[in-house]
Protein backbone atom coordinates (compact mmCIF):
# COMPACT_ATOMS: atom_id res chain seq x y z
CA MET A 1 -162.03 -120.75 -74.39
CA SER A 2 -161.20 -124.42 -74.90
CA LEU A 3 -160.00 -127.02 -72.45
CA SER A 4 -156.27 -127.30 -71.99
CA PRO A 5 -154.42 -129.87 -74.13
CA PRO A 6 -154.69 -133.32 -72.52
CA VAL A 7 -151.83 -135.57 -71.53
CA SER A 8 -151.34 -138.75 -73.55
CA ARG A 9 -154.43 -140.92 -73.11
CA SER A 10 -156.67 -143.55 -74.75
CA LEU A 11 -160.45 -143.54 -75.05
CA ARG A 12 -162.09 -146.30 -72.99
CA HIS A 13 -165.74 -145.28 -72.63
CA THR A 14 -168.20 -142.89 -74.26
CA ARG A 15 -171.45 -141.72 -72.74
CA ALA A 16 -173.62 -139.86 -75.21
CA ILE A 17 -176.70 -137.96 -74.07
CA THR A 18 -179.09 -136.27 -76.46
CA VAL A 19 -182.41 -134.52 -76.10
CA ASP A 20 -184.42 -133.68 -79.21
CA ALA A 21 -187.49 -131.44 -78.89
CA TYR A 22 -190.40 -131.70 -81.31
CA ALA A 23 -193.35 -129.36 -81.71
CA ARG A 24 -196.35 -131.59 -82.40
CA ASP A 25 -199.25 -130.76 -84.69
CA ASP A 26 -201.65 -130.98 -81.71
CA GLY A 27 -199.90 -128.13 -79.83
CA LEU A 28 -198.01 -130.40 -77.43
CA TRP A 29 -194.26 -131.02 -77.42
CA ASP A 30 -192.25 -134.23 -77.26
CA LEU A 31 -188.83 -134.37 -75.65
CA ASP A 32 -187.00 -137.48 -76.83
CA ALA A 33 -183.99 -138.12 -74.62
CA SER A 34 -181.42 -140.88 -74.91
CA ILE A 35 -178.37 -142.05 -73.03
CA ARG A 36 -175.87 -144.47 -74.53
CA ASP A 37 -172.79 -146.01 -72.93
CA VAL A 38 -170.22 -147.73 -75.16
CA LYS A 39 -166.90 -149.31 -74.19
CA THR A 40 -164.04 -149.33 -76.67
CA ARG A 41 -162.93 -152.81 -75.65
CA ASP A 42 -164.61 -156.11 -74.84
CA ILE A 43 -165.86 -156.32 -71.26
CA ALA A 44 -167.12 -159.14 -69.06
CA LEU A 45 -170.51 -158.50 -67.47
CA ALA A 46 -172.27 -160.80 -65.02
CA SER A 47 -174.78 -161.45 -67.81
CA GLY A 48 -172.09 -162.30 -70.36
CA ASP A 49 -169.37 -160.74 -72.46
CA ARG A 50 -170.08 -157.48 -74.28
CA PRO A 51 -167.93 -156.73 -77.33
CA GLY A 52 -166.28 -153.33 -77.61
CA GLY A 53 -168.42 -150.93 -79.62
CA VAL A 54 -171.70 -152.61 -78.59
CA PRO A 55 -173.69 -150.40 -76.18
CA VAL A 56 -173.84 -151.42 -72.53
CA HIS A 57 -176.74 -148.99 -72.19
CA ASP A 58 -178.97 -147.65 -74.93
CA LEU A 59 -181.92 -146.11 -73.13
CA LYS A 60 -184.63 -143.74 -74.30
CA LEU A 61 -187.15 -141.56 -72.54
CA ARG A 62 -189.92 -139.57 -74.21
CA ILE A 63 -192.08 -137.11 -72.37
CA THR A 64 -194.92 -135.15 -73.87
CA ILE A 65 -195.49 -131.71 -72.34
CA ASP A 66 -198.01 -128.94 -72.75
CA ARG A 67 -197.16 -125.27 -73.13
CA ASP A 68 -197.13 -124.89 -69.32
CA PHE A 69 -194.37 -127.54 -68.99
CA THR A 70 -196.73 -130.16 -67.51
CA ILE A 71 -195.99 -133.75 -68.48
CA VAL A 72 -199.06 -135.28 -70.13
CA ASP A 73 -197.46 -138.55 -71.25
CA ALA A 74 -194.22 -140.46 -70.70
CA GLU A 75 -192.62 -143.61 -71.99
CA ALA A 76 -189.26 -145.32 -71.65
CA ALA A 77 -187.41 -147.96 -73.64
CA SER A 78 -184.31 -149.99 -72.85
CA ASP A 79 -182.82 -151.21 -76.13
CA SER A 80 -179.49 -152.34 -74.68
CA VAL A 81 -178.89 -153.11 -71.00
CA PRO A 82 -176.32 -154.98 -68.91
CA TYR A 83 -178.97 -157.32 -67.41
CA PRO A 84 -181.44 -158.28 -70.16
CA GLY A 85 -184.77 -159.45 -68.82
CA PHE A 86 -184.30 -157.35 -65.67
CA CYS A 87 -183.16 -153.80 -66.49
CA ASP A 88 -185.56 -153.63 -69.41
CA THR A 89 -188.68 -154.28 -67.30
CA ILE A 90 -188.76 -150.87 -65.55
CA ALA A 91 -190.11 -148.81 -68.48
CA PRO A 92 -193.76 -148.71 -67.24
CA ALA A 93 -192.64 -147.01 -64.00
CA TYR A 94 -191.82 -143.86 -65.98
CA LYS A 95 -195.56 -143.24 -66.46
CA LYS A 96 -195.23 -141.84 -62.88
CA LEU A 97 -193.85 -138.67 -64.51
CA ILE A 98 -197.31 -137.83 -65.87
CA GLY A 99 -198.77 -134.82 -64.09
CA LEU A 100 -195.43 -133.39 -62.95
CA SER A 101 -194.40 -129.90 -63.96
CA LEU A 102 -190.87 -129.50 -65.31
CA MET A 103 -190.79 -126.05 -63.68
CA ASN A 104 -192.18 -126.88 -60.23
CA HIS A 105 -189.72 -128.91 -58.13
CA PHE A 106 -189.44 -131.51 -60.89
CA ARG A 107 -186.15 -133.03 -59.73
CA LEU A 108 -187.46 -133.43 -56.17
CA HIS A 109 -190.65 -135.17 -57.37
CA LEU A 110 -188.61 -137.28 -59.79
CA LYS A 111 -186.46 -138.50 -56.91
CA ASP A 112 -189.54 -139.31 -54.80
CA ARG A 113 -191.09 -141.36 -57.60
CA LEU A 114 -188.20 -143.02 -59.41
CA SER A 115 -184.94 -143.01 -57.42
CA GLY A 116 -183.13 -146.14 -56.31
CA VAL A 117 -185.02 -149.39 -56.82
CA LEU A 118 -188.13 -147.50 -57.96
CA GLY A 119 -186.53 -146.77 -61.34
CA CYS A 120 -183.46 -147.14 -63.51
CA THR A 121 -180.51 -145.06 -62.34
CA HIS A 122 -179.64 -144.06 -65.90
CA LEU A 123 -183.18 -143.18 -67.05
CA THR A 124 -183.78 -141.17 -63.89
CA GLU A 125 -180.48 -139.34 -64.36
CA LEU A 126 -181.49 -138.62 -67.96
CA ALA A 127 -184.85 -137.23 -66.82
CA GLN A 128 -183.06 -134.63 -64.69
CA LEU A 129 -181.94 -132.86 -67.89
CA LEU A 130 -185.46 -132.33 -69.18
CA PRO A 131 -186.39 -129.02 -67.48
CA THR A 132 -183.54 -127.03 -69.01
CA ALA A 133 -183.91 -128.83 -72.34
CA ALA A 134 -187.59 -127.82 -72.44
CA LEU A 135 -186.71 -124.21 -71.64
CA GLN A 136 -184.22 -124.13 -74.49
CA ALA A 137 -186.78 -125.71 -76.83
CA TYR A 138 -189.50 -123.22 -75.90
CA ALA A 139 -187.22 -120.15 -76.10
CA ASP A 140 -188.37 -117.93 -78.94
CA ASP A 141 -190.90 -120.53 -80.02
CA VAL A 142 -193.46 -120.94 -77.22
CA PHE A 143 -192.35 -117.76 -75.44
CA GLU A 144 -190.40 -114.81 -76.75
CA THR A 145 -186.85 -114.22 -75.72
CA ARG A 146 -186.25 -110.57 -75.21
CA GLY A 147 -184.02 -107.97 -73.70
CA GLY A 148 -182.24 -104.86 -74.78
CA ALA A 149 -183.03 -101.22 -74.22
CA ASP A 150 -186.24 -101.37 -76.28
CA ASP A 151 -187.86 -104.09 -74.14
CA ASN A 152 -191.10 -102.60 -72.81
CA SER A 153 -192.63 -105.78 -71.44
CA ALA A 154 -194.16 -105.57 -67.98
CA GLU A 155 -193.04 -109.12 -67.26
CA ARG A 156 -189.56 -109.78 -65.89
CA PRO A 157 -187.56 -112.14 -68.15
CA PHE A 158 -187.73 -115.69 -66.85
CA GLU A 159 -184.02 -116.37 -67.22
CA LEU A 160 -182.83 -113.67 -64.84
CA ASP A 161 -181.18 -114.88 -61.61
CA ARG A 162 -181.11 -118.48 -62.85
CA CYS A 163 -177.37 -118.61 -63.56
CA HIS A 164 -174.12 -116.81 -62.77
CA ALA A 165 -174.06 -114.70 -65.94
CA LEU A 166 -177.65 -113.46 -65.62
CA ARG A 167 -177.67 -112.34 -62.01
CA SER A 168 -179.67 -109.13 -61.63
CA ASP A 169 -176.74 -107.21 -60.15
CA GLY A 170 -174.28 -108.40 -62.80
CA PRO A 171 -172.80 -106.76 -65.89
CA ALA A 172 -174.61 -109.00 -68.43
CA VAL A 173 -178.02 -107.95 -67.10
CA ALA A 174 -176.91 -104.31 -67.04
CA LYS A 175 -175.89 -104.62 -70.70
CA TYR A 176 -178.64 -106.83 -72.18
CA TYR A 177 -181.55 -106.27 -69.76
CA PRO A 178 -180.90 -102.74 -68.45
CA ARG A 179 -184.47 -102.26 -67.28
CA TRP A 180 -184.15 -105.18 -64.88
CA SER A 181 -180.63 -104.41 -63.65
CA ILE A 182 -180.15 -103.95 -59.92
CA LYS A 183 -177.18 -102.00 -58.60
CA ALA A 184 -175.10 -104.10 -56.21
CA VAL A 185 -175.07 -102.80 -52.66
CA SER A 186 -171.56 -102.45 -51.28
CA GLY A 187 -170.89 -102.86 -47.68
């Protein structure tokens, strides 16, 4: 199902976010994330005019994780910023991600270490996407995705009860993960 047709409008701003996952030869994984903001028209910033089409933000964050989702290295880069000489000095702070687990209260620890003046709003926002990006990267590569009537694994699938569609008492689990389906209690 697509979005409804829009009313007449003109593009003014594009924010592009990407996360690329790489399996490294040493058994670790790199997640390279970027966020880029571009205006379609010239804008006046406190630091000077920025022509349309030239990024206001072009920020990158790379984390290296092990197979248990623990961050073993982190680096940030600010290639285009609204306040050159200021915004682009925060990159070393993102080393504070080292040691965090993407699967163990990551967003809470991220906020403690890098929110507000402790980090860059945009890089910290970008980092919040990393847990689900890592899960998608690892699916059927680091861990097997499974389901169906022939699934004999003793371990409950990780993805169950993590979203609306895969709630244990829902029809998708009954269809694709029948062994783990729970009948809803009426009352």
